[in-house]
C-alpha atoms as a PDB file:
ATOM      1  CA  MET A   1      -4.094  19.147 -93.632  1.00  0.00           C
ATOM      2  CA  THR A   2      -2.961  16.334 -91.392  1.00  0.00           C
ATOM      3  CA  GLY A   3      -0.668  16.115 -88.424  1.00  0.00           C
ATOM      4  CA  PRO A   4       1.178  13.210 -86.737  1.00  0.00           C
ATOM      5  CA  ARG A   5      -0.185   9.712 -87.195  1.00  0.00           C
ATOM      6  CA  GLY A   6      -2.678  11.067 -89.764  1.00  0.00           C
ATOM      7  CA  ALA A   7      -4.561  13.269 -87.293  1.00  0.00           C
ATOM      8  CA  ASP A   8      -6.300  16.354 -88.640  1.00  0.00           C
ATOM      9  CA  VAL A   9      -4.470  19.541 -87.684  1.00  0.00           C
ATOM     10  CA  THR A  10      -6.598  21.474 -85.221  1.00  0.00           C
ATOM     11  CA  ARG A  11      -3.960  23.820 -83.783  1.00  0.00           C
ATOM     12  CA  HIS A  12      -1.579  26.016 -85.777  1.00  0.00           C
ATOM     13  CA  VAL A  13       0.891  27.443 -83.268  1.00  0.00           C
ATOM     14  CA  VAL A  14       3.320  30.352 -83.580  1.00  0.00           C
ATOM     15  CA  VAL A  15       5.988  29.922 -80.891  1.00  0.00           C
ATOM     16  CA  ASP A  16       7.971  32.908 -79.575  1.00  0.00           C
ATOM     17  CA  THR A  17      10.814  31.521 -77.497  1.00  0.00           C
ATOM     18  CA  ASP A  18      14.119  32.167 -75.773  1.00  0.00           C
ATOM     19  CA  ALA A  19      14.930  28.478 -76.355  1.00  0.00           C
ATOM     20  CA  GLY A  20      16.207  27.217 -73.055  1.00  0.00           C
ATOM     21  CA  ILE A  21      15.835  23.648 -71.799  1.00  0.00           C
ATOM     22  CA  ASP A  22      12.122  23.744 -71.034  1.00  0.00           C
ATOM     23  CA  ASP A  23      11.409  25.808 -74.183  1.00  0.00           C
ATOM     24  CA  ALA A  24      13.070  23.078 -76.251  1.00  0.00           C
ATOM     25  CA  CYS A  25      10.954  20.444 -74.523  1.00  0.00           C
ATOM     26  CA  ALA A  26       7.819  22.478 -75.267  1.00  0.00           C
ATOM     27  CA  LEU A  27       8.741  22.391 -78.968  1.00  0.00           C
ATOM     28  CA  LEU A  28       9.288  18.626 -78.773  1.00  0.00           C
ATOM     29  CA  TYR A  29       5.924  18.204 -77.056  1.00  0.00           C
ATOM     30  CA  LEU A  30       4.075  20.291 -79.659  1.00  0.00           C
ATOM     31  CA  ALA A  31       5.758  18.527 -82.563  1.00  0.00           C
ATOM     32  CA  GLY A  32       4.891  15.064 -81.241  1.00  0.00           C
ATOM     33  CA  HIS A  33       1.304  15.878 -80.336  1.00  0.00           C
ATOM     34  CA  PRO A  34      -1.527  14.792 -82.640  1.00  0.00           C
ATOM     35  CA  GLY A  35      -3.187  17.545 -84.604  1.00  0.00           C
ATOM     36  CA  VAL A  36      -0.579  20.250 -84.044  1.00  0.00           C
ATOM     37  CA  GLU A  37       1.360  22.275 -86.612  1.00  0.00           C
ATOM     38  CA  ILE A  38       4.256  24.467 -85.531  1.00  0.00           C
ATOM     39  CA  THR A  39       3.496  27.248 -87.985  1.00  0.00           C
ATOM     40  CA  ALA A  40       6.498  29.468 -87.178  1.00  0.00           C
ATOM     41  CA  VAL A  41       9.152  29.992 -84.506  1.00  0.00           C
ATOM     42  CA  THR A  42      10.604  33.338 -83.446  1.00  0.00           C
ATOM     43  CA  SER A  43      13.603  34.009 -81.232  1.00  0.00           C
ATOM     44  CA  VAL A  44      14.014  36.489 -78.384  1.00  0.00           C
ATOM     45  CA  ALA A  45      16.908  37.090 -76.016  1.00  0.00           C
ATOM     46  CA  GLY A  46      16.287  35.712 -72.555  1.00  0.00           C
ATOM     47  CA  ASN A  47      17.711  32.464 -71.238  1.00  0.00           C
ATOM     48  CA  ARG A  48      20.682  33.168 -73.506  1.00  0.00           C
ATOM     49  CA  PRO A  49      21.662  35.935 -75.940  1.00  0.00           C
ATOM     50  CA  GLU A  50      19.502  35.928 -79.067  1.00  0.00           C
ATOM     51  CA  ARG A  51      22.174  34.336 -81.280  1.00  0.00           C
ATOM     52  CA  ASP A  52      22.353  31.310 -78.970  1.00  0.00           C
ATOM     53  CA  VAL A  53      18.554  31.187 -78.921  1.00  0.00           C
ATOM     54  CA  ALA A  54      18.399  31.069 -82.735  1.00  0.00           C
ATOM     55  CA  ARG A  55      20.976  28.267 -82.790  1.00  0.00           C
ATOM     56  CA  ASN A  56      18.971  26.289 -80.251  1.00  0.00           C
ATOM     57  CA  ILE A  57      15.866  26.653 -82.411  1.00  0.00           C
ATOM     58  CA  GLY A  58      17.937  25.294 -85.299  1.00  0.00           C
ATOM     59  CA  CYS A  59      19.142  22.380 -83.172  1.00  0.00           C
ATOM     60  CA  VAL A  60      15.619  21.372 -82.133  1.00  0.00           C
ATOM     61  CA  THR A  61      13.955  21.779 -85.531  1.00  0.00           C
ATOM     62  CA  ARG A  62      16.787  19.837 -87.200  1.00  0.00           C
ATOM     63  CA  LEU A  63      16.356  17.013 -84.676  1.00  0.00           C
ATOM     64  CA  LEU A  64      12.612  16.980 -85.371  1.00  0.00           C
ATOM     65  CA  GLY A  65      13.061  17.027 -89.134  1.00  0.00           C
ATOM     66  CA  LEU A  66      10.967  20.193 -89.333  1.00  0.00           C
ATOM     67  CA  ALA A  67      11.461  23.354 -91.340  1.00  0.00           C
ATOM     68  CA  PRO A  68       8.966  25.940 -90.058  1.00  0.00           C
ATOM     69  CA  PRO A  69       9.659  29.587 -90.882  1.00  0.00           C
ATOM     70  CA  VAL A  70      12.096  30.969 -88.302  1.00  0.00           C
ATOM     71  CA  ALA A  71      12.485  34.699 -87.700  1.00  0.00           C
ATOM     72  CA  ARG A  72      15.084  36.283 -85.458  1.00  0.00           C
ATOM     73  CA  GLY A  73      13.827  38.710 -82.861  1.00  0.00           C
ATOM     74  CA  ALA A  74      14.841  41.165 -80.171  1.00  0.00           C
ATOM     75  CA  ALA A  75      18.434  40.959 -78.987  1.00  0.00           C
ATOM     76  CA  ARG A  76      17.786  43.198 -75.971  1.00  0.00           C
ATOM     77  CA  PRO A  77      14.812  44.205 -73.839  1.00  0.00           C
ATOM     78  CA  LEU A  78      12.999  47.511 -73.977  1.00  0.00           C
ATOM     79  CA  PRO A  79      14.779  50.346 -72.110  1.00  0.00           C
ATOM     80  CA  GLY A  80      14.794  50.248 -68.327  1.00  0.00           C
ATOM     81  CA  ALA A  81      14.989  46.482 -67.803  1.00  0.00           C
ATOM     82  CA  PRO A  82      17.061  45.248 -64.849  1.00  0.00           C
ATOM     83  CA  SER A  83      19.966  42.859 -65.259  1.00  0.00           C
ATOM     84  CA  VAL A  84      18.781  39.288 -64.652  1.00  0.00           C
ATOM     85  CA  PRO A  85      21.216  36.342 -64.385  1.00  0.00           C
ATOM     86  CA  ARG A  86      21.153  33.701 -67.135  1.00  0.00           C
ATOM     87  CA  GLY A  87      22.542  30.844 -65.051  1.00  0.00           C
ATOM     88  CA  THR A  88      19.820  28.180 -65.058  1.00  0.00           C
ATOM     89  CA  HIS A  89      20.189  26.800 -68.600  1.00  0.00           C
ATOM     90  CA  GLY A  90      23.932  26.316 -69.019  1.00  0.00           C
ATOM     91  CA  THR A  91      26.403  28.072 -71.275  1.00  0.00           C
ATOM     92  CA  ASP A  92      24.474  27.281 -74.475  1.00  0.00           C
ATOM     93  CA  GLY A  93      20.916  27.438 -73.123  1.00  0.00           C
ATOM     94  CA  LEU A  94      20.381  23.685 -73.415  1.00  0.00           C
ATOM     95  CA  GLY A  95      22.383  22.555 -70.410  1.00  0.00           C
ATOM     96  CA  ALA A  96      25.542  22.105 -72.535  1.00  0.00           C
ATOM     97  CA  PRO A  97      25.151  18.331 -73.172  1.00  0.00           C
ATOM     98  CA  LEU A  98      25.032  18.695 -76.951  1.00  0.00           C
ATOM     99  CA  ALA A  99      28.715  18.220 -77.714  1.00  0.00           C
ATOM    100  CA  ARG A 100      28.715  15.000 -75.700  1.00  0.00           C
ATOM    101  CA  HIS A 101      25.790  13.698 -77.774  1.00  0.00           C
ATOM    102  CA  GLY A 102      27.157  14.806 -81.166  1.00  0.00           C
ATOM    103  CA  LEU A 103      24.286  17.213 -81.817  1.00  0.00           C
ATOM    104  CA  PRO A 104      25.097  20.350 -83.813  1.00  0.00           C
ATOM    105  CA  ARG A 105      23.645  23.783 -83.139  1.00  0.00           C
ATOM    106  CA  PRO A 106      23.370  25.221 -86.649  1.00  0.00           C
ATOM    107  CA  MET A 107      22.077  28.706 -87.287  1.00  0.00           C
ATOM    108  CA  PRO A 108      18.737  27.909 -88.957  1.00  0.00           C
ATOM    109  CA  ALA A 109      17.663  29.303 -92.279  1.00  0.00           C
ATOM    110  CA  VAL A 110      15.667  32.399 -91.402  1.00  0.00           C
ATOM    111  CA  THR A 111      13.058  34.448 -93.185  1.00  0.00           C
ATOM    112  CA  GLY A 112      13.769  37.951 -94.413  1.00  0.00           C
ATOM    113  CA  GLU A 113      11.407  39.289 -91.759  1.00  0.00           C
ATOM    114  CA  SER A 114      12.043  40.149 -88.149  1.00  0.00           C
ATOM    115  CA  ALA A 115      10.169  38.194 -85.498  1.00  0.00           C
ATOM    116  CA  THR A 116       7.930  41.211 -84.968  1.00  0.00           C
ATOM    117  CA  GLU A 117       7.051  41.452 -88.643  1.00  0.00           C
ATOM    118  CA  LEU A 118       6.343  37.725 -88.901  1.00  0.00           C
ATOM    119  CA  ILE A 119       4.085  37.694 -85.828  1.00  0.00           C
ATOM    120  CA  VAL A 120       2.088  40.639 -87.205  1.00  0.00           C
ATOM    121  CA  ARG A 121       1.878  39.360 -90.787  1.00  0.00           C
ATOM    122  CA  LEU A 122       0.659  35.891 -89.861  1.00  0.00           C
ATOM    123  CA  ALA A 123      -2.060  37.335 -87.619  1.00  0.00           C
ATOM    124  CA  ARG A 124      -3.283  39.610 -90.396  1.00  0.00           C
ATOM    125  CA  GLU A 125      -3.222  36.884 -93.052  1.00  0.00           C
ATOM    126  CA  ARG A 126      -4.907  34.210 -90.920  1.00  0.00           C
ATOM    127  CA  PRO A 127      -7.126  35.940 -88.348  1.00  0.00           C
ATOM    128  CA  GLY A 128      -8.737  33.547 -85.888  1.00  0.00           C
ATOM    129  CA  ASP A 129      -6.760  30.565 -87.197  1.00  0.00           C
ATOM    130  CA  LEU A 130      -3.494  30.728 -85.256  1.00  0.00           C
ATOM    131  CA  ASP A 131      -2.494  30.379 -81.612  1.00  0.00           C
ATOM    132  CA  LEU A 132       0.404  32.399 -80.201  1.00  0.00           C
ATOM    133  CA  LEU A 133       2.546  30.776 -77.504  1.00  0.00           C
ATOM    134  CA  ALA A 134       5.051  33.077 -75.780  1.00  0.00           C
ATOM    135  CA  LEU A 135       7.728  31.215 -73.817  1.00  0.00           C
ATOM    136  CA  GLY A 136      10.332  33.961 -73.306  1.00  0.00           C
ATOM    137  CA  PRO A 137      10.385  37.649 -72.398  1.00  0.00           C
ATOM    138  CA  PHE A 138       7.600  39.493 -74.198  1.00  0.00           C
ATOM    139  CA  THR A 139       9.830  41.940 -76.115  1.00  0.00           C
ATOM    140  CA  ASN A 140       8.823  40.742 -79.590  1.00  0.00           C
ATOM    141  CA  LEU A 141       5.148  40.886 -78.633  1.00  0.00           C
ATOM    142  CA  ALA A 142       5.428  44.435 -77.288  1.00  0.00           C
ATOM    143  CA  LEU A 143       7.173  45.591 -80.468  1.00  0.00           C
ATOM    144  CA  ALA A 144       4.519  43.843 -82.576  1.00  0.00           C
ATOM    145  CA  LEU A 145       1.786  45.656 -80.633  1.00  0.00           C
ATOM    146  CA  ARG A 146       3.369  48.957 -81.673  1.00  0.00           C
ATOM    147  CA  ILE A 147       2.734  47.971 -85.299  1.00  0.00           C
ATOM    148  CA  ASP A 148      -0.722  46.497 -84.677  1.00  0.00           C
ATOM    149  CA  PRO A 149      -2.315  47.408 -81.325  1.00  0.00           C
ATOM    150  CA  ALA A 150      -5.160  44.950 -82.085  1.00  0.00           C
ATOM    151  CA  LEU A 151      -2.709  42.087 -82.689  1.00  0.00           C
ATOM    152  CA  PHE A 152      -3.989  39.824 -79.921  1.00  0.00           C
ATOM    153  CA  THR A 153      -7.574  40.051 -81.181  1.00  0.00           C
ATOM    154  CA  LYS A 154      -6.434  38.364 -84.415  1.00  0.00           C
ATOM    155  CA  TYR A 155      -4.967  35.258 -82.793  1.00  0.00           C
ATOM    156  CA  ARG A 156      -7.346  32.482 -81.820  1.00  0.00           C
ATOM    157  CA  SER A 157      -5.670  32.431 -78.436  1.00  0.00           C
ATOM    158  CA  VAL A 158      -2.562  33.850 -76.800  1.00  0.00           C
ATOM    159  CA  VAL A 159      -0.881  31.828 -74.029  1.00  0.00           C
ATOM    160  CA  LEU A 160       1.891  33.467 -72.010  1.00  0.00           C
ATOM    161  CA  MET A 161       4.389  31.671 -69.782  1.00  0.00           C
ATOM    162  CA  GLY A 162       5.004  34.290 -67.144  1.00  0.00           C
ATOM    163  CA  GLY A 163       3.522  35.953 -64.114  1.00  0.00           C
ATOM    164  CA  SER A 164       3.134  35.050 -60.456  1.00  0.00           C
ATOM    165  CA  GLY A 165      -0.601  34.638 -59.893  1.00  0.00           C
ATOM    166  CA  PRO A 166      -2.786  36.578 -57.389  1.00  0.00           C
ATOM    167  CA  TYR A 167      -0.864  39.354 -55.672  1.00  0.00           C
ATOM    168  CA  ASP A 168      -1.405  38.416 -52.015  1.00  0.00           C
ATOM    169  CA  VAL A 169      -1.189  34.629 -51.706  1.00  0.00           C
ATOM    170  CA  PRO A 170      -0.425  34.055 -47.991  1.00  0.00           C
ATOM    171  CA  GLY A 171       2.965  32.528 -47.245  1.00  0.00           C
ATOM    172  CA  GLU A 172       4.003  32.323 -50.896  1.00  0.00           C
ATOM    173  CA  ARG A 173       7.619  31.626 -51.761  1.00  0.00           C
ATOM    174  CA  LEU A 174       8.022  31.995 -55.507  1.00  0.00           C
ATOM    175  CA  VAL A 175      10.828  31.284 -57.909  1.00  0.00           C
ATOM    176  CA  ARG A 176      12.076  34.208 -59.975  1.00  0.00           C
ATOM    177  CA  ASP A 177       9.597  35.328 -62.647  1.00  0.00           C
ATOM    178  CA  SER A 178      12.308  35.593 -65.305  1.00  0.00           C
ATOM    179  CA  ASN A 179      10.200  36.277 -68.399  1.00  0.00           C
ATOM    180  CA  ILE A 180       8.636  39.290 -66.677  1.00  0.00           C
ATOM    181  CA  ALA A 181      11.784  40.462 -64.896  1.00  0.00           C
ATOM    182  CA  ARG A 182      13.860  40.474 -68.077  1.00  0.00           C
ATOM    183  CA  ASP A 183      11.523  42.966 -69.784  1.00  0.00           C
ATOM    184  CA  PRO A 184       8.943  44.519 -67.458  1.00  0.00           C
ATOM    185  CA  ALA A 185       8.059  47.284 -69.940  1.00  0.00           C
ATOM    186  CA  ALA A 186       7.179  44.656 -72.552  1.00  0.00           C
ATOM    187  CA  ALA A 187       5.132  42.718 -70.002  1.00  0.00           C
ATOM    188  CA  ARG A 188       3.216  45.886 -69.154  1.00  0.00           C
ATOM    189  CA  ALA A 189       2.450  46.514 -72.847  1.00  0.00           C
ATOM    190  CA  VAL A 190       1.167  42.954 -73.230  1.00  0.00           C
ATOM    191  CA  ALA A 191      -0.952  43.098 -70.055  1.00  0.00           C
ATOM    192  CA  THR A 192      -2.774  46.247 -71.213  1.00  0.00           C
ATOM    193  CA  ALA A 193      -3.319  45.298 -74.877  1.00  0.00           C
ATOM    194  CA  PRO A 194      -6.767  44.434 -76.294  1.00  0.00           C
ATOM    195  CA  ARG A 195      -7.257  40.701 -76.737  1.00  0.00           C
ATOM    196  CA  ALA A 196      -9.700  37.969 -77.698  1.00  0.00           C
ATOM    197  CA  ASP A 197      -8.468  35.198 -75.371  1.00  0.00           C
ATOM    198  CA  LEU A 198      -5.297  35.746 -73.370  1.00  0.00           C
ATOM    199  CA  VAL A 199      -4.097  33.193 -70.825  1.00  0.00           C
ATOM    200  CA  MET A 200      -1.239  33.765 -68.389  1.00  0.00           C
ATOM    201  CA  LEU A 201       0.441  30.793 -66.719  1.00  0.00           C
ATOM    202  CA  GLY A 202       2.782  31.861 -63.949  1.00  0.00           C
ATOM    203  CA  VAL A 203       5.692  30.425 -62.023  1.00  0.00           C
ATOM    204  CA  ASP A 204       3.425  30.009 -58.996  1.00  0.00           C
ATOM    205  CA  VAL A 205       1.877  27.073 -60.907  1.00  0.00           C
ATOM    206  CA  THR A 206       4.614  25.839 -63.258  1.00  0.00           C
ATOM    207  CA  ALA A 207       7.252  25.472 -60.537  1.00  0.00           C
ATOM    208  CA  THR A 208       5.051  22.907 -58.802  1.00  0.00           C
ATOM    209  CA  VAL A 209       4.620  20.690 -61.898  1.00  0.00           C
ATOM    210  CA  LEU A 210       7.681  18.461 -61.727  1.00  0.00           C
ATOM    211  CA  LEU A 211       8.980  15.716 -63.965  1.00  0.00           C
ATOM    212  CA  PRO A 212      10.289  13.061 -61.531  1.00  0.00           C
ATOM    213  CA  THR A 213      13.977  12.306 -61.840  1.00  0.00           C
ATOM    214  CA  GLU A 214      13.222   8.650 -62.613  1.00  0.00           C
ATOM    215  CA  ALA A 215      11.164   9.771 -65.607  1.00  0.00           C
ATOM    216  CA  ILE A 216      14.305  11.206 -67.192  1.00  0.00           C
ATOM    217  CA  ALA A 217      15.798   7.717 -67.197  1.00  0.00           C
ATOM    218  CA  ALA A 218      12.590   6.428 -68.778  1.00  0.00           C
ATOM    219  CA  LEU A 219      12.933   8.997 -71.567  1.00  0.00           C
ATOM    220  CA  ASP A 220      16.502   7.899 -72.219  1.00  0.00           C
ATOM    221  CA  ALA A 221      15.434   4.236 -72.254  1.00  0.00           C
ATOM    222  CA  ALA A 222      12.751   4.933 -74.872  1.00  0.00           C
ATOM    223  CA  GLY A 223      15.535   4.863 -77.455  1.00  0.00           C
ATOM    224  CA  THR A 224      14.276   7.484 -79.911  1.00  0.00           C
ATOM    225  CA  PRO A 225      16.482  10.441 -80.819  1.00  0.00           C
ATOM    226  CA  VAL A 226      13.871  12.862 -79.475  1.00  0.00           C
ATOM    227  CA  ALA A 227      13.442  11.081 -76.139  1.00  0.00           C
ATOM    228  CA  ARG A 228      17.211  10.715 -75.680  1.00  0.00           C
ATOM    229  CA  PHE A 229      17.705  14.413 -76.462  1.00  0.00           C
ATOM    230  CA  ALA A 230      15.003  15.373 -73.952  1.00  0.00           C
ATOM    231  CA  ALA A 231      16.622  13.163 -71.313  1.00  0.00           C
ATOM    232  CA  ALA A 232      20.019  14.748 -71.964  1.00  0.00           C
ATOM    233  CA  ILE A 233      18.888  18.347 -71.616  1.00  0.00           C
ATOM    234  CA  LEU A 234      16.444  17.732 -68.760  1.00  0.00           C
ATOM    235  CA  GLY A 235      19.115  15.782 -66.907  1.00  0.00           C
ATOM    236  CA  ALA A 236      21.359  18.821 -67.137  1.00  0.00           C
ATOM    237  CA  TYR A 237      18.716  21.195 -65.733  1.00  0.00           C
ATOM    238  CA  PRO A 238      20.076  22.687 -62.498  1.00  0.00           C
ATOM    239  CA  ARG A 239      17.797  22.192 -59.525  1.00  0.00           C
ATOM    240  CA  LEU A 240      16.035  25.399 -58.493  1.00  0.00           C
ATOM    241  CA  ASP A 241      16.522  25.712 -54.757  1.00  0.00           C
ATOM    242  CA  ASP A 242      13.609  28.104 -54.270  1.00  0.00           C
ATOM    243  CA  ALA A 243      10.974  26.062 -56.132  1.00  0.00           C
ATOM    244  CA  PRO A 244       8.031  25.475 -53.784  1.00  0.00           C
ATOM    245  CA  GLY A 245       6.983  21.903 -53.129  1.00  0.00           C
ATOM    246  CA  ARG A 246      10.289  20.483 -54.351  1.00  0.00           C
ATOM    247  CA  ARG A 247      10.552  16.736 -53.785  1.00  0.00           C
ATOM    248  CA  GLY A 248      13.018  15.998 -56.550  1.00  0.00           C
ATOM    249  CA  GLY A 249      12.382  16.582 -60.213  1.00  0.00           C
ATOM    250  CA  VAL A 250      12.510  19.115 -62.991  1.00  0.00           C
ATOM    251  CA  PRO A 251       9.902  21.893 -63.365  1.00  0.00           C
ATOM    252  CA  LEU A 252       8.061  21.788 -66.693  1.00  0.00           C
ATOM    253  CA  HIS A 253       7.407  25.523 -67.033  1.00  0.00           C
ATOM    254  CA  ASP A 254       7.124  25.949 -70.803  1.00  0.00           C
ATOM    255  CA  PRO A 255       5.828  22.465 -71.682  1.00  0.00           C
ATOM    256  CA  LEU A 256       2.896  23.071 -69.325  1.00  0.00           C
ATOM    257  CA  ALA A 257       2.083  26.314 -71.155  1.00  0.00           C
ATOM    258  CA  ALA A 258       2.050  24.347 -74.413  1.00  0.00           C
ATOM    259  CA  GLY A 259      -0.136  21.709 -72.777  1.00  0.00           C
ATOM    260  CA  ILE A 260      -2.703  24.237 -71.582  1.00  0.00           C
ATOM    261  CA  LEU A 261      -2.809  25.831 -75.028  1.00  0.00           C
ATOM    262  CA  LEU A 262      -3.671  22.432 -76.545  1.00  0.00           C
ATOM    263  CA  ASP A 263      -5.944  21.273 -73.701  1.00  0.00           C
ATOM    264  CA  PRO A 264      -7.352  24.109 -71.559  1.00  0.00           C
ATOM    265  CA  SER A 265      -8.911  21.536 -69.195  1.00  0.00           C
ATOM    266  CA  LEU A 266      -5.402  20.954 -67.793  1.00  0.00           C
ATOM    267  CA  ALA A 267      -5.930  24.252 -65.980  1.00  0.00           C
ATOM    268  CA  THR A 268      -7.965  23.134 -62.990  1.00  0.00           C
ATOM    269  CA  GLY A 269      -8.155  26.627 -61.513  1.00  0.00           C
ATOM    270  CA  THR A 270      -8.411  30.024 -63.242  1.00  0.00           C
ATOM    271  CA  THR A 271      -9.225  33.549 -62.129  1.00  0.00           C
ATOM    272  CA  ILE A 272     -10.100  36.405 -64.458  1.00  0.00           C
ATOM    273  CA  GLY A 273      -9.013  39.984 -63.867  1.00  0.00           C
ATOM    274  CA  PRO A 274      -6.509  42.687 -64.805  1.00  0.00           C
ATOM    275  CA  VAL A 275      -2.776  42.031 -64.551  1.00  0.00           C
ATOM    276  CA  ALA A 276      -0.244  44.614 -63.362  1.00  0.00           C
ATOM    277  CA  VAL A 277       3.556  44.545 -63.489  1.00  0.00           C
ATOM    278  CA  LEU A 278       4.851  45.361 -60.008  1.00  0.00           C
ATOM    279  CA  PRO A 279       8.288  45.747 -58.429  1.00  0.00           C
ATOM    280  CA  ASP A 280       9.658  42.830 -56.418  1.00  0.00           C
ATOM    281  CA  GLY A 281      12.849  44.099 -54.831  1.00  0.00           C
ATOM    282  CA  PRO A 282      15.229  44.946 -57.697  1.00  0.00           C
ATOM    283  CA  LEU A 283      13.195  42.840 -60.156  1.00  0.00           C
ATOM    284  CA  TRP A 284       9.574  42.707 -61.342  1.00  0.00           C
ATOM    285  CA  ARG A 285       6.572  40.386 -61.330  1.00  0.00           C
ATOM    286  CA  ALA A 286       3.275  40.308 -63.196  1.00  0.00           C
ATOM    287  CA  ARG A 287       0.472  39.875 -60.675  1.00  0.00           C
ATOM    288  CA  LEU A 288      -3.225  39.284 -61.090  1.00  0.00           C
ATOM    289  CA  MET A 289      -4.989  42.196 -59.412  1.00  0.00           C
ATOM    290  CA  ARG A 290      -7.223  39.889 -57.442  1.00  0.00           C
ATOM    291  CA  THR A 291      -6.741  38.279 -54.069  1.00  0.00           C
ATOM    292  CA  ALA A 292      -6.826  34.512 -53.663  1.00  0.00           C
ATOM    293  CA  GLU A 293     -10.528  35.015 -52.842  1.00  0.00           C
ATOM    294  CA  GLY A 294     -11.133  36.938 -56.084  1.00  0.00           C
ATOM    295  CA  LEU A 295     -11.416  40.379 -54.487  1.00  0.00           C
ATOM    296  CA  PRO A 296      -9.803  43.512 -55.971  1.00  0.00           C
ATOM    297  CA  PRO A 297      -6.697  44.927 -54.288  1.00  0.00           C
ATOM    298  CA  PRO A 298      -6.990  47.746 -51.731  1.00  0.00           C
ATOM    299  CA  PHE A 299      -4.956  50.121 -53.918  1.00  0.00           C
ATOM    300  CA  PRO A 300      -5.481  51.624 -57.400  1.00  0.00           C
ATOM    301  CA  CYS A 301      -3.884  49.908 -60.381  1.00  0.00           C
ATOM    302  CA  GLU A 302      -3.529  50.702 -64.058  1.00  0.00           C
ATOM    303  CA  PRO A 303      -6.684  49.830 -66.040  1.00  0.00           C
ATOM    304  CA  ALA A 304      -6.272  46.702 -68.115  1.00  0.00           C
ATOM    305  CA  PRO A 305      -8.541  44.244 -69.892  1.00  0.00           C
ATOM    306  CA  ASP A 306      -9.179  40.918 -68.237  1.00  0.00           C
ATOM    307  CA  THR A 307      -6.586  38.176 -68.438  1.00  0.00           C
ATOM    308  CA  ARG A 308      -7.409  34.544 -67.684  1.00  0.00           C
ATOM    309  CA  VAL A 309      -4.782  33.602 -65.093  1.00  0.00           C
ATOM    310  CA  VAL A 310      -4.151  29.942 -64.320  1.00  0.00           C
ATOM    311  CA  THR A 311      -4.028  29.276 -60.578  1.00  0.00           C
ATOM    312  CA  ALA A 312      -3.843  25.459 -60.557  1.00  0.00           C
ATOM    313  CA  ALA A 313      -3.098  22.650 -63.016  1.00  0.00           C
ATOM    314  CA  ASP A 314      -3.559  18.890 -63.202  1.00  0.00           C
ATOM    315  CA  ALA A 315       0.117  18.070 -62.782  1.00  0.00           C
ATOM    316  CA  GLY A 316      -0.243  14.280 -62.860  1.00  0.00           C
ATOM    317  CA  ARG A 317      -2.269  14.208 -66.070  1.00  0.00           C
ATOM    318  CA  PHE A 318       0.067  16.630 -67.795  1.00  0.00           C
ATOM    319  CA  VAL A 319       3.255  14.792 -66.791  1.00  0.00           C
ATOM    320  CA  ARG A 320       1.767  11.529 -68.087  1.00  0.00           C
ATOM    321  CA  ASP A 321       0.834  13.168 -71.392  1.00  0.00           C
ATOM    322  CA  PHE A 322       4.257  14.808 -71.696  1.00  0.00           C
ATOM    323  CA  LEU A 323       6.047  11.478 -71.202  1.00  0.00           C
ATOM    324  CA  HIS A 324       3.678   9.625 -73.536  1.00  0.00           C
ATOM    325  CA  THR A 325       4.117  12.238 -76.274  1.00  0.00           C
ATOM    326  CA  LEU A 326       7.906  12.316 -76.086  1.00  0.00           C
ATOM    327  CA  THR A 327       8.249   8.520 -75.934  1.00  0.00           C
ATOM    328  CA  GLN A 328       5.434   7.442 -78.279  1.00  0.00           C
ATOM    329  CA  GLY A 329       5.006  10.395 -80.634  1.00  0.00           C
ATOM    330  CA  PHE A 330       8.333   9.895 -82.408  1.00  0.00           C
ATOM    331  CA  PRO A 331       9.002   6.382 -83.761  1.00  0.00           C
ATOM    332  CA  LEU A 332      12.568   5.266 -84.315  1.00  0.00           C
ATOM    333  CA  PRO A 333      13.674   6.338 -87.809  1.00  0.00           C
ATOM    334  CA  HIS A 334      14.522   3.655 -90.359  1.00  0.00           C
ATOM    335  CA  ALA A 335      18.299   3.272 -90.486  1.00  0.00           C
ATOM    336  CA  THR A 336      18.494   3.744 -94.261  1.00  0.00           C
ATOM    337  CA  ASP A 337      15.524   6.026 -94.754  1.00  0.00           C
ATOM    338  CA  PRO A 338      15.859   9.158 -92.589  1.00  0.00           C
ATOM    339  CA  ALA A 339      12.842  11.378 -92.541  1.00  0.00           C
ATOM    340  CA  PRO A 340      13.391  14.544 -94.583  1.00  0.00           C
ATOM    341  CA  PRO A 341      12.633  17.952 -93.032  1.00  0.00           C
ATOM    342  CA  ARG A 342       8.960  18.828 -93.186  1.00  0.00           C
ATOM    343  CA  PRO A 343       7.418  22.263 -92.968  1.00  0.00           C
ATOM    344  CA  GLY A 344       5.109  22.822 -89.999  1.00  0.00           C
ATOM    345  CA  GLY A 345       4.246  20.348 -87.303  1.00  0.00           C
ATOM    346  CA  ARG A 346       4.671  16.653 -87.020  1.00  0.00           C
END
């Protein structure tokens, strides 16, 4: 099997997403990256209600000319979740620039399975062959674990975008950990499940990896439909006032998770230990039960297997790769010979 530009496919990725702006850019990045197949996409309510999420998946896959299996997932979190605002991705989840750019948001053709069923079936049929990338609340994953408690041992790797790093970082000022806060019960189920290789990338790291504002203009100038689309939705991304280290730019939360799945060396710091889901005022965070020095906390916590938690990333190298992939990975289509939809990755 080959990927873009004739490269052998080395990563087959199942993407579970709530399809906001940065989720969409993660899909673009995966699809344009050599050797990657998007094996399936599943929807979960989060940045927007699940129906909007499914439509955004349809918008992105249509733009890419892809037709991976799409399964619709959880429309609400597990019981007990707090109410979390959905204000950072616009009224449609993609910053609402689509009408201005003439891009439709069709409901994609979906499989007869739920997201949970698809995630479980693929793991059982192809053990050790697939990677699971979770970019939204972990509701689908928690429900899948009820069917198959050993689910994560059957994926080659599981990469989660969520969490807030070590629990006692001095002077920290973190953005909201939305994927955890929207379904803390699901996050707790995921944190305590058996696994082969589970990586958690939290907002303590992703909020510091910024795409400079001038890079958005460079994407638009690249002239390809994919780069122009990325520029349109990233340009609409509201600035997050509480992002640490802000000097102007857009945080690449979900694309960085995709990048670390494809190239683990982008994670320049990791700490291994159990993760617990803890209250943070009215909301919740997933915290590594280690101090910044790697010591255990001075209080008891629920037993959990080790998670590999990313504590630092090579922001410059990733941003360069992200821009290169979105500007060079998608050549301009021939005016009279549009590329037909293709199953899987580019």
